[in-house]
Amino acid sequence: MQQALGYAEIVNVPSAFSSNGDAFASHNKVAEAGEEIEIEFPLKEFPPPLVLWNRYRNTMILRLMRLPLFYKPILYRSSEGTPLLPDRSN
């Protein structure tokens, strides 16, 4: 698992997985409320791609929201050409 965590850090992803051939060990750096950070589960219960994609996407969105405003890309509505600014109410 330590090697997997090192690789996850290098490629900037929120999850690391390791297997001994019988089961997976998972370390989820962005566990939601009630979720464990480290778990083991059978090979057939590996998370589907959409679950992993959403975890990654949500992590990246949170990282962008923590940046100062002048570092954030400005997105434009293609039909109107007006800036689509981030919601700062949270």
C-alpha atoms as a PDB file:
ATOM      1  CA  MET A   1       0.000   0.000   0.000  1.00  0.00           C
ATOM      2  CA  GLN A   2       2.864   2.416   0.725  1.00  0.00           C
ATOM      3  CA  GLN A   3       4.066   2.106  -2.870  1.00  0.00           C
ATOM      4  CA  ALA A   4       0.525   2.726  -4.184  1.00  0.00           C
ATOM      5  CA  LEU A   5       0.182   5.812  -1.960  1.00  0.00           C
ATOM      6  CA  GLY A   6       3.463   7.135  -3.325  1.00  0.00           C
ATOM      7  CA  TYR A   7       2.268   6.693  -6.905  1.00  0.00           C
ATOM      8  CA  ALA A   8      -1.102   8.313  -6.064  1.00  0.00           C
ATOM      9  CA  GLU A   9       0.781  11.334  -4.742  1.00  0.00           C
ATOM     10  CA  ILE A  10       2.934  11.556  -7.884  1.00  0.00           C
ATOM     11  CA  VAL A  11      -0.020  11.424 -10.293  1.00  0.00           C
ATOM     12  CA  ASN A  12      -2.200  13.570  -8.013  1.00  0.00           C
ATOM     13  CA  VAL A  13      -5.158  11.215  -7.524  1.00  0.00           C
ATOM     14  CA  PRO A  14      -7.286  10.839  -4.366  1.00  0.00           C
ATOM     15  CA  SER A  15      -7.285   7.032  -4.163  1.00  0.00           C
ATOM     16  CA  ALA A  16      -4.734   4.260  -4.013  1.00  0.00           C
ATOM     17  CA  PHE A  17      -5.341   0.540  -4.436  1.00  0.00           C
ATOM     18  CA  SER A  18      -3.229  -2.488  -3.677  1.00  0.00           C
ATOM     19  CA  SER A  19      -3.925  -6.186  -4.166  1.00  0.00           C
ATOM     20  CA  ASN A  20      -2.493  -9.409  -2.850  1.00  0.00           C
ATOM     21  CA  GLY A  21      -4.311 -11.411  -5.540  1.00  0.00           C
ATOM     22  CA  ASP A  22      -7.201 -12.369  -3.242  1.00  0.00           C
ATOM     23  CA  ALA A  23      -8.560  -8.924  -2.273  1.00  0.00           C
ATOM     24  CA  PHE A  24      -7.991  -5.204  -2.693  1.00  0.00           C
ATOM     25  CA  ALA A  25      -6.913  -2.694  -0.094  1.00  0.00           C
ATOM     26  CA  SER A  26      -8.098   0.838  -0.755  1.00  0.00           C
ATOM     27  CA  HIS A  27      -6.978   4.160   0.691  1.00  0.00           C
ATOM     28  CA  ASN A  28      -9.394   7.012  -0.058  1.00  0.00           C
ATOM     29  CA  LYS A  29      -7.934  10.421   0.829  1.00  0.00           C
ATOM     30  CA  VAL A  30     -11.303  12.110   0.295  1.00  0.00           C
ATOM     31  CA  ALA A  31     -13.639   9.819   2.200  1.00  0.00           C
ATOM     32  CA  GLU A  32     -17.112  11.237   2.691  1.00  0.00           C
ATOM     33  CA  ALA A  33     -18.846  11.382   6.070  1.00  0.00           C
ATOM     34  CA  GLY A  34     -19.312   7.855   7.380  1.00  0.00           C
ATOM     35  CA  GLU A  35     -16.837   6.351   4.897  1.00  0.00           C
ATOM     36  CA  GLU A  36     -13.667   4.684   6.115  1.00  0.00           C
ATOM     37  CA  ILE A  37     -10.361   5.914   4.722  1.00  0.00           C
ATOM     38  CA  GLU A  38      -8.834   2.433   4.436  1.00  0.00           C
ATOM     39  CA  ILE A  39     -10.820  -0.687   3.592  1.00  0.00           C
ATOM     40  CA  GLU A  40     -10.327  -4.151   2.148  1.00  0.00           C
ATOM     41  CA  PHE A  41     -12.772  -5.761  -0.264  1.00  0.00           C
ATOM     42  CA  PRO A  42     -12.981  -8.767  -2.616  1.00  0.00           C
ATOM     43  CA  LEU A  43     -11.626  -8.458  -6.157  1.00  0.00           C
ATOM     44  CA  LYS A  44     -15.136  -8.573  -7.657  1.00  0.00           C
ATOM     45  CA  GLU A  45     -16.182  -5.463  -5.679  1.00  0.00           C
ATOM     46  CA  PHE A  46     -13.673  -3.027  -7.204  1.00  0.00           C
ATOM     47  CA  PRO A  47     -15.357   0.394  -7.594  1.00  0.00           C
ATOM     48  CA  PRO A  48     -16.798   1.066 -11.049  1.00  0.00           C
ATOM     49  CA  PRO A  49     -15.062   3.682 -13.236  1.00  0.00           C
ATOM     50  CA  LEU A  50     -17.824   6.258 -12.707  1.00  0.00           C
ATOM     51  CA  VAL A  51     -17.365   6.158  -8.916  1.00  0.00           C
ATOM     52  CA  LEU A  52     -13.615   6.662  -9.274  1.00  0.00           C
ATOM     53  CA  TRP A  53     -14.072   9.409 -11.867  1.00  0.00           C
ATOM     54  CA  ASN A  54     -16.507  11.308  -9.624  1.00  0.00           C
ATOM     55  CA  ARG A  55     -14.103  11.016  -6.676  1.00  0.00           C
ATOM     56  CA  TYR A  56     -11.289  12.437  -8.809  1.00  0.00           C
ATOM     57  CA  ARG A  57     -13.446  15.181 -10.337  1.00  0.00           C
ATOM     58  CA  ASN A  58     -14.796  16.294  -6.959  1.00  0.00           C
ATOM     59  CA  THR A  59     -11.269  16.442  -5.547  1.00  0.00           C
ATOM     60  CA  MET A  60     -10.067  18.603  -8.427  1.00  0.00           C
ATOM     61  CA  ILE A  61     -13.051  20.950  -8.114  1.00  0.00           C
ATOM     62  CA  LEU A  62     -12.344  21.400  -4.391  1.00  0.00           C
ATOM     63  CA  ARG A  63      -8.689  22.149  -5.117  1.00  0.00           C
ATOM     64  CA  LEU A  64      -9.655  24.793  -7.684  1.00  0.00           C
ATOM     65  CA  MET A  65     -12.096  26.392  -5.252  1.00  0.00           C
ATOM     66  CA  ARG A  66      -9.292  26.794  -2.679  1.00  0.00           C
ATOM     67  CA  LEU A  67      -7.106  28.784  -5.080  1.00  0.00           C
ATOM     68  CA  PRO A  68      -7.170  32.569  -4.928  1.00  0.00           C
ATOM     69  CA  LEU A  69      -9.545  34.034  -7.502  1.00  0.00           C
ATOM     70  CA  PHE A  70      -6.768  35.351  -9.748  1.00  0.00           C
ATOM     71  CA  TYR A  71      -5.487  31.782 -10.264  1.00  0.00           C
ATOM     72  CA  LYS A  72      -8.844  30.469 -11.410  1.00  0.00           C
ATOM     73  CA  PRO A  73      -9.630  30.082 -15.082  1.00  0.00           C
ATOM     74  CA  ILE A  74     -12.553  32.169 -16.263  1.00  0.00           C
ATOM     75  CA  LEU A  75     -15.148  30.070 -18.042  1.00  0.00           C
ATOM     76  CA  TYR A  76     -17.437  31.625 -20.614  1.00  0.00           C
ATOM     77  CA  ARG A  77     -20.911  30.717 -21.740  1.00  0.00           C
ATOM     78  CA  SER A  78     -20.391  30.025 -25.418  1.00  0.00           C
ATOM     79  CA  SER A  79     -23.773  31.342 -26.530  1.00  0.00           C
ATOM     80  CA  GLU A  80     -23.561  34.644 -24.608  1.00  0.00           C
ATOM     81  CA  GLY A  81     -19.823  35.308 -24.250  1.00  0.00           C
ATOM     82  CA  THR A  82     -20.323  36.304 -20.612  1.00  0.00           C
ATOM     83  CA  PRO A  83     -18.065  35.052 -17.799  1.00  0.00           C
ATOM     84  CA  LEU A  84     -19.331  32.116 -15.749  1.00  0.00           C
ATOM     85  CA  LEU A  85     -17.965  32.980 -12.311  1.00  0.00           C
ATOM     86  CA  PRO A  86     -17.681  30.454  -9.465  1.00  0.00           C
ATOM     87  CA  ASP A  87     -20.313  30.468  -6.728  1.00  0.00           C
ATOM     88  CA  ARG A  88     -18.613  32.091  -3.687  1.00  0.00           C
ATOM     89  CA  SER A  89     -21.579  31.611  -1.311  1.00  0.00           C
ATOM     90  CA  ASN A  90     -20.131  28.453   0.316  1.00  0.00           C
END
